[in-house]
Each structure stands twice: as structure tokens, then as C-alpha cells.
Amino acid sequence: PILRLLPFFSSPGSQVWALFAIANLTSTDKEKYCEFVVRENGIPLIQNILNDVRSTQQMINFAKVILENVA
């Protein structure tokens, strides 16, 4: 459910919260949550955050943390 919040640019607060939560989870329990992000097709959603002009710097920073953790 948390990945479903990522495409909603009409609700940036929800996006930031979701990105923060995923960044935190993939940092603290990498084995479990990095696999989750990959398995649930979260990588394209996170890449969209990085490439969208509506993304804030905070969103971009969290997205980068997630992608670094998954890599």
C-alpha cells in the first residue's frame, strides 16, 4: 500500500511520507524491504520521482537513498 502513494503528485505530503518510510525501512532492514521494493515494482515509481519536475529536493533525496539501498 505504501508504494501506491508515490504517483500522487496532487498529494506531495503523502509522497514525502511514503518516501521517508521506504527510505527508513530499506536502511534499517535492507534484506526484507529492498526485496519488497523490487518485488512490488517500486523501482520505476521511485525513478519517476527522480525524473518529475514536480518533485521537491526532499523527495529526490529520499528516492536516492532508496535506490542506493536497493543497489
PDB file of N, CA and C in Angstrom:
ATOM      1  N   PRO A   1       0.811  -1.223   0.000  1.00  0.00           N
ATOM      2  CA  PRO A   1       0.000   0.000   0.000  1.00  0.00           C
ATOM      3  C   PRO A   1       0.846   1.275   0.000  1.00  0.00           C
ATOM      4  N   ILE A   2       1.991   1.247   0.623  1.00  0.00           N
ATOM      5  CA  ILE A   2       2.804   2.461   0.726  1.00  0.00           C
ATOM      6  C   ILE A   2       3.345   2.882  -0.642  1.00  0.00           C
ATOM      7  N   LEU A   3       3.649   1.927  -1.495  1.00  0.00           N
ATOM      8  CA  LEU A   3       4.140   2.251  -2.834  1.00  0.00           C
ATOM      9  C   LEU A   3       3.072   2.926  -3.677  1.00  0.00           C
ATOM     10  N   ARG A   4       1.823   2.662  -3.392  1.00  0.00           N
ATOM     11  CA  ARG A   4       0.719   3.265  -4.147  1.00  0.00           C
ATOM     12  C   ARG A   4       0.635   4.773  -3.960  1.00  0.00           C
ATOM     13  N   LEU A   5       1.246   5.295  -2.921  1.00  0.00           N
ATOM     14  CA  LEU A   5       1.215   6.740  -2.670  1.00  0.00           C
ATOM     15  C   LEU A   5       2.202   7.508  -3.550  1.00  0.00           C
ATOM     16  N   LEU A   6       3.189   6.837  -4.087  1.00  0.00           N
ATOM     17  CA  LEU A   6       4.255   7.519  -4.808  1.00  0.00           C
ATOM     18  C   LEU A   6       3.813   8.278  -6.058  1.00  0.00           C
ATOM     19  N   PRO A   7       2.850   7.805  -6.836  1.00  0.00           N
ATOM     20  CA  PRO A   7       2.476   8.546  -8.049  1.00  0.00           C
ATOM     21  C   PRO A   7       1.610   9.786  -7.809  1.00  0.00           C
ATOM     22  N   PHE A   8       1.143  10.024  -6.589  1.00  0.00           N
ATOM     23  CA  PHE A   8       0.170  11.084  -6.342  1.00  0.00           C
ATOM     24  C   PHE A   8       0.816  12.439  -6.109  1.00  0.00           C
ATOM     25  N   PHE A   9       1.189  13.084  -7.213  1.00  0.00           N
ATOM     26  CA  PHE A   9       1.790  14.411  -7.119  1.00  0.00           C
ATOM     27  C   PHE A   9       0.788  15.450  -6.632  1.00  0.00           C
ATOM     28  N   SER A  10      -0.491  15.118  -6.662  1.00  0.00           N
ATOM     29  CA  SER A  10      -1.507  16.027  -6.125  1.00  0.00           C
ATOM     30  C   SER A  10      -1.503  16.026  -4.602  1.00  0.00           C
ATOM     31  N   SER A  11      -0.778  15.096  -4.019  1.00  0.00           N
ATOM     32  CA  SER A  11      -0.669  14.993  -2.562  1.00  0.00           C
ATOM     33  C   SER A  11       0.801  14.810  -2.173  1.00  0.00           C
ATOM     34  N   PRO A  12       1.594  15.871  -2.316  1.00  0.00           N
ATOM     35  CA  PRO A  12       3.037  15.734  -2.065  1.00  0.00           C
ATOM     36  C   PRO A  12       3.371  15.332  -0.626  1.00  0.00           C
ATOM     37  N   GLY A  13       2.532  15.692   0.313  1.00  0.00           N
ATOM     38  CA  GLY A  13       2.781  15.275   1.696  1.00  0.00           C
ATOM     39  C   GLY A  13       2.760  13.763   1.836  1.00  0.00           C
ATOM     40  N   SER A  14       1.828  13.137   1.141  1.00  0.00           N
ATOM     41  CA  SER A  14       1.752  11.674   1.163  1.00  0.00           C
ATOM     42  C   SER A  14       2.970  11.056   0.488  1.00  0.00           C
ATOM     43  N   GLN A  15       3.418  11.667  -0.588  1.00  0.00           N
ATOM     44  CA  GLN A  15       4.603  11.170  -1.277  1.00  0.00           C
ATOM     45  C   GLN A  15       5.833  11.261  -0.379  1.00  0.00           C
ATOM     46  N   VAL A  16       6.004  12.396   0.264  1.00  0.00           N
ATOM     47  CA  VAL A  16       7.162  12.572   1.146  1.00  0.00           C
ATOM     48  C   VAL A  16       7.111  11.554   2.275  1.00  0.00           C
ATOM     49  N   TRP A  17       5.945  11.379   2.868  1.00  0.00           N
ATOM     50  CA  TRP A  17       5.806  10.419   3.961  1.00  0.00           C
ATOM     51  C   TRP A  17       6.164   9.017   3.476  1.00  0.00           C
ATOM     52  N   ALA A  18       5.646   8.625   2.303  1.00  0.00           N
ATOM     53  CA  ALA A  18       5.916   7.292   1.770  1.00  0.00           C
ATOM     54  C   ALA A  18       7.398   7.117   1.462  1.00  0.00           C
ATOM     55  N   LEU A  19       7.991   8.114   0.838  1.00  0.00           N
ATOM     56  CA  LEU A  19       9.422   8.037   0.526  1.00  0.00           C
ATOM     57  C   LEU A  19      10.262   7.955   1.790  1.00  0.00           C
ATOM     58  N   PHE A  20       9.920   8.762   2.793  1.00  0.00           N
ATOM     59  CA  PHE A  20      10.636   8.708   4.069  1.00  0.00           C
ATOM     60  C   PHE A  20      10.535   7.314   4.680  1.00  0.00           C
ATOM     61  N   ALA A  21       9.325   6.770   4.700  1.00  0.00           N
ATOM     62  CA  ALA A  21       9.118   5.455   5.308  1.00  0.00           C
ATOM     63  C   ALA A  21       9.901   4.378   4.565  1.00  0.00           C
ATOM     64  N   ILE A  22       9.858   4.404   3.245  1.00  0.00           N
ATOM     65  CA  ILE A  22      10.573   3.395   2.463  1.00  0.00           C
ATOM     66  C   ILE A  22      12.079   3.564   2.622  1.00  0.00           C
ATOM     67  N   ALA A  23      12.555   4.798   2.624  1.00  0.00           N
ATOM     68  CA  ALA A  23      13.992   5.038   2.826  1.00  0.00           C
ATOM     69  C   ALA A  23      14.426   4.513   4.187  1.00  0.00           C
ATOM     70  N   ASN A  24      13.615   4.749   5.196  1.00  0.00           N
ATOM     71  CA  ASN A  24      13.935   4.283   6.544  1.00  0.00           C
ATOM     72  C   ASN A  24      13.918   2.756   6.610  1.00  0.00           C
ATOM     73  N   LEU A  25      12.886   2.145   6.054  1.00  0.00           N
ATOM     74  CA  LEU A  25      12.779   0.684   6.100  1.00  0.00           C
ATOM     75  C   LEU A  25      13.900   0.007   5.328  1.00  0.00           C
ATOM     76  N   THR A  26      14.248   0.560   4.161  1.00  0.00           N
ATOM     77  CA  THR A  26      15.320  -0.057   3.375  1.00  0.00           C
ATOM     78  C   THR A  26      16.695   0.207   3.984  1.00  0.00           C
ATOM     79  N   SER A  27      16.768   1.155   4.894  1.00  0.00           N
ATOM     80  CA  SER A  27      18.035   1.420   5.590  1.00  0.00           C
ATOM     81  C   SER A  27      18.193   0.537   6.822  1.00  0.00           C
ATOM     82  N   THR A  28      17.082   0.252   7.507  1.00  0.00           N
ATOM     83  CA  THR A  28      17.172  -0.475   8.767  1.00  0.00           C
ATOM     84  C   THR A  28      17.018  -1.983   8.614  1.00  0.00           C
ATOM     85  N   ASP A  29      16.272  -2.413   7.612  1.00  0.00           N
ATOM     86  CA  ASP A  29      16.076  -3.854   7.373  1.00  0.00           C
ATOM     87  C   ASP A  29      16.202  -4.110   5.877  1.00  0.00           C
ATOM     88  N   LYS A  30      17.434  -3.942   5.387  1.00  0.00           N
ATOM     89  CA  LYS A  30      17.693  -3.982   3.947  1.00  0.00           C
ATOM     90  C   LYS A  30      17.228  -5.281   3.298  1.00  0.00           C
ATOM     91  N   GLU A  31      17.541  -6.390   3.923  1.00  0.00           N
ATOM     92  CA  GLU A  31      17.230  -7.681   3.314  1.00  0.00           C
ATOM     93  C   GLU A  31      15.738  -7.814   3.016  1.00  0.00           C
ATOM     94  N   LYS A  32      14.930  -7.436   3.934  1.00  0.00           N
ATOM     95  CA  LYS A  32      13.483  -7.598   3.778  1.00  0.00           C
ATOM     96  C   LYS A  32      12.883  -6.533   2.860  1.00  0.00           C
ATOM     97  N   TYR A  33      13.199  -5.271   3.092  1.00  0.00           N
ATOM     98  CA  TYR A  33      12.484  -4.199   2.415  1.00  0.00           C
ATOM     99  C   TYR A  33      13.054  -3.834   1.052  1.00  0.00           C
ATOM    100  N   CYS A  34      14.323  -4.056   0.829  1.00  0.00           N
ATOM    101  CA  CYS A  34      14.851  -3.831  -0.521  1.00  0.00           C
ATOM    102  C   CYS A  34      14.238  -4.848  -1.472  1.00  0.00           C
ATOM    103  N   GLU A  35      14.128  -6.069  -1.022  1.00  0.00           N
ATOM    104  CA  GLU A  35      13.483  -7.106  -1.827  1.00  0.00           C
ATOM    105  C   GLU A  35      12.018  -6.743  -2.095  1.00  0.00           C
ATOM    106  N   PHE A  36      11.352  -6.217  -1.083  1.00  0.00           N
ATOM    107  CA  PHE A  36       9.954  -5.783  -1.233  1.00  0.00           C
ATOM    108  C   PHE A  36       9.817  -4.724  -2.323  1.00  0.00           C
ATOM    109  N   VAL A  37      10.688  -3.724  -2.299  1.00  0.00           N
ATOM    110  CA  VAL A  37      10.626  -2.640  -3.288  1.00  0.00           C
ATOM    111  C   VAL A  37      10.797  -3.201  -4.692  1.00  0.00           C
ATOM    112  N   VAL A  38      11.728  -4.105  -4.862  1.00  0.00           N
ATOM    113  CA  VAL A  38      11.969  -4.696  -6.178  1.00  0.00           C
ATOM    114  C   VAL A  38      10.786  -5.579  -6.585  1.00  0.00           C
ATOM    115  N   ARG A  39      10.370  -6.447  -5.704  1.00  0.00           N
ATOM    116  CA  ARG A  39       9.301  -7.405  -5.996  1.00  0.00           C
ATOM    117  C   ARG A  39       7.979  -6.708  -6.334  1.00  0.00           C
ATOM    118  N   GLU A  40       7.706  -5.608  -5.683  1.00  0.00           N
ATOM    119  CA  GLU A  40       6.438  -4.897  -5.894  1.00  0.00           C
ATOM    120  C   GLU A  40       6.545  -3.810  -6.966  1.00  0.00           C
ATOM    121  N   ASN A  41       7.593  -3.881  -7.779  1.00  0.00           N
ATOM    122  CA  ASN A  41       7.798  -2.943  -8.887  1.00  0.00           C
ATOM    123  C   ASN A  41       7.871  -1.483  -8.424  1.00  0.00           C
ATOM    124  N   GLY A  42       8.548  -1.278  -7.315  1.00  0.00           N
ATOM    125  CA  GLY A  42       8.701   0.065  -6.790  1.00  0.00           C
ATOM    126  C   GLY A  42       9.794   0.879  -7.463  1.00  0.00           C
ATOM    127  N   ILE A  43      10.739   0.222  -8.099  1.00  0.00           N
ATOM    128  CA  ILE A  43      11.858   0.944  -8.723  1.00  0.00           C
ATOM    129  C   ILE A  43      11.368   1.942  -9.771  1.00  0.00           C
ATOM    130  N   PRO A  44      10.492   1.549 -10.702  1.00  0.00           N
ATOM    131  CA  PRO A  44      10.016   2.541 -11.669  1.00  0.00           C
ATOM    132  C   PRO A  44       9.272   3.717 -11.017  1.00  0.00           C
ATOM    133  N   LEU A  45       8.549   3.438  -9.957  1.00  0.00           N
ATOM    134  CA  LEU A  45       7.841   4.513  -9.256  1.00  0.00           C
ATOM    135  C   LEU A  45       8.821   5.504  -8.635  1.00  0.00           C
ATOM    136  N   ILE A  46       9.884   4.986  -8.073  1.00  0.00           N
ATOM    137  CA  ILE A  46      10.891   5.840  -7.452  1.00  0.00           C
ATOM    138  C   ILE A  46      11.676   6.600  -8.521  1.00  0.00           C
ATOM    139  N   GLN A  47      11.955   5.956  -9.626  1.00  0.00           N
ATOM    140  CA  GLN A  47      12.631   6.643 -10.724  1.00  0.00           C
ATOM    141  C   GLN A  47      11.771   7.771 -11.288  1.00  0.00           C
ATOM    142  N   ASN A  48      10.459   7.573 -11.296  1.00  0.00           N
ATOM    143  CA  ASN A  48       9.559   8.641 -11.738  1.00  0.00           C
ATOM    144  C   ASN A  48       9.655   9.856 -10.824  1.00  0.00           C
ATOM    145  N   ILE A  49       9.826   9.619  -9.535  1.00  0.00           N
ATOM    146  CA  ILE A  49      10.006  10.726  -8.587  1.00  0.00           C
ATOM    147  C   ILE A  49      11.265  11.508  -8.964  1.00  0.00           C
ATOM    148  N   LEU A  50      12.330  10.792  -9.262  1.00  0.00           N
ATOM    149  CA  LEU A  50      13.592  11.444  -9.608  1.00  0.00           C
ATOM    150  C   LEU A  50      13.493  12.268 -10.887  1.00  0.00           C
ATOM    151  N   ASN A  51      12.672  11.836 -11.813  1.00  0.00           N
ATOM    152  CA  ASN A  51      12.609  12.464 -13.129  1.00  0.00           C
ATOM    153  C   ASN A  51      11.496  13.496 -13.296  1.00  0.00           C
ATOM    154  N   ASP A  52      10.632  13.617 -12.324  1.00  0.00           N
ATOM    155  CA  ASP A  52       9.493  14.526 -12.456  1.00  0.00           C
ATOM    156  C   ASP A  52       9.840  15.915 -11.922  1.00  0.00           C
ATOM    157  N   VAL A  53       9.519  16.935 -12.688  1.00  0.00           N
ATOM    158  CA  VAL A  53       9.844  18.313 -12.294  1.00  0.00           C
ATOM    159  C   VAL A  53       9.066  18.765 -11.064  1.00  0.00           C
ATOM    160  N   ARG A  54       7.996  18.069 -10.709  1.00  0.00           N
ATOM    161  CA  ARG A  54       7.215  18.427  -9.519  1.00  0.00           C
ATOM    162  C   ARG A  54       7.831  17.926  -8.221  1.00  0.00           C
ATOM    163  N   SER A  55       8.837  17.079  -8.321  1.00  0.00           N
ATOM    164  CA  SER A  55       9.479  16.522  -7.129  1.00  0.00           C
ATOM    165  C   SER A  55      10.295  17.588  -6.414  1.00  0.00           C
ATOM    166  N   THR A  56      10.159  17.605  -5.096  1.00  0.00           N
ATOM    167  CA  THR A  56      10.955  18.521  -4.281  1.00  0.00           C
ATOM    168  C   THR A  56      12.333  17.907  -4.028  1.00  0.00           C
ATOM    169  N   GLN A  57      13.241  18.719  -3.553  1.00  0.00           N
ATOM    170  CA  GLN A  57      14.575  18.208  -3.245  1.00  0.00           C
ATOM    171  C   GLN A  57      14.510  17.144  -2.154  1.00  0.00           C
ATOM    172  N   GLN A  58      13.627  17.312  -1.202  1.00  0.00           N
ATOM    173  CA  GLN A  58      13.466  16.314  -0.142  1.00  0.00           C
ATOM    174  C   GLN A  58      13.014  14.976  -0.733  1.00  0.00           C
ATOM    175  N   MET A  59      12.078  15.020  -1.657  1.00  0.00           N
ATOM    176  CA  MET A  59      11.610  13.796  -2.305  1.00  0.00           C
ATOM    177  C   MET A  59      12.736  13.129  -3.072  1.00  0.00           C
ATOM    178  N   ILE A  60      13.502  13.920  -3.795  1.00  0.00           N
ATOM    179  CA  ILE A  60      14.629  13.406  -4.575  1.00  0.00           C
ATOM    180  C   ILE A  60      15.662  12.762  -3.656  1.00  0.00           C
ATOM    181  N   ASN A  61      15.937  13.405  -2.535  1.00  0.00           N
ATOM    182  CA  ASN A  61      16.914  12.855  -1.589  1.00  0.00           C
ATOM    183  C   ASN A  61      16.472  11.496  -1.056  1.00  0.00           C
ATOM    184  N   PHE A  62      15.208  11.387  -0.655  1.00  0.00           N
ATOM    185  CA  PHE A  62      14.696  10.101  -0.162  1.00  0.00           C
ATOM    186  C   PHE A  62      14.732   9.050  -1.264  1.00  0.00           C
ATOM    187  N   ALA A  63      14.357   9.428  -2.479  1.00  0.00           N
ATOM    188  CA  ALA A  63      14.367   8.485  -3.599  1.00  0.00           C
ATOM    189  C   ALA A  63      15.774   7.962  -3.850  1.00  0.00           C
ATOM    190  N   LYS A  64      16.759   8.838  -3.780  1.00  0.00           N
ATOM    191  CA  LYS A  64      18.148   8.419  -3.977  1.00  0.00           C
ATOM    192  C   LYS A  64      18.599   7.449  -2.894  1.00  0.00           C
ATOM    193  N   VAL A  65      18.209   7.702  -1.663  1.00  0.00           N
ATOM    194  CA  VAL A  65      18.552   6.790  -0.564  1.00  0.00           C
ATOM    195  C   VAL A  65      17.976   5.411  -0.843  1.00  0.00           C
ATOM    196  N   ILE A  66      16.724   5.374  -1.270  1.00  0.00           N
ATOM    197  CA  ILE A  66      16.074   4.090  -1.540  1.00  0.00           C
ATOM    198  C   ILE A  66      16.823   3.343  -2.643  1.00  0.00           C
ATOM    199  N   LEU A  67      17.094   4.014  -3.734  1.00  0.00           N
ATOM    200  CA  LEU A  67      17.776   3.362  -4.847  1.00  0.00           C
ATOM    201  C   LEU A  67      19.184   2.914  -4.471  1.00  0.00           C
ATOM    202  N   GLU A  68      19.875   3.688  -3.667  1.00  0.00           N
ATOM    203  CA  GLU A  68      21.201   3.271  -3.193  1.00  0.00           C
ATOM    204  C   GLU A  68      21.091   2.050  -2.301  1.00  0.00           C
ATOM    205  N   ASN A  69      20.098   2.013  -1.436  1.00  0.00           N
ATOM    206  CA  ASN A  69      19.913   0.852  -0.556  1.00  0.00           C
ATOM    207  C   ASN A  69      19.584  -0.403  -1.354  1.00  0.00           C
ATOM    208  N   VAL A  70      18.743  -0.264  -2.365  1.00  0.00           N
ATOM    209  CA  VAL A  70      18.352  -1.410  -3.178  1.00  0.00           C
ATOM    210  C   VAL A  70      19.537  -1.909  -4.008  1.00  0.00           C
ATOM    211  N   ALA A  71      20.353  -0.966  -4.495  1.00  0.00           N
ATOM    212  CA  ALA A  71      21.510  -1.368  -5.310  1.00  0.00           C
ATOM    213  C   ALA A  71      22.493  -2.143  -4.453  1.00  0.00           C
TER     214      ALA A  71
END
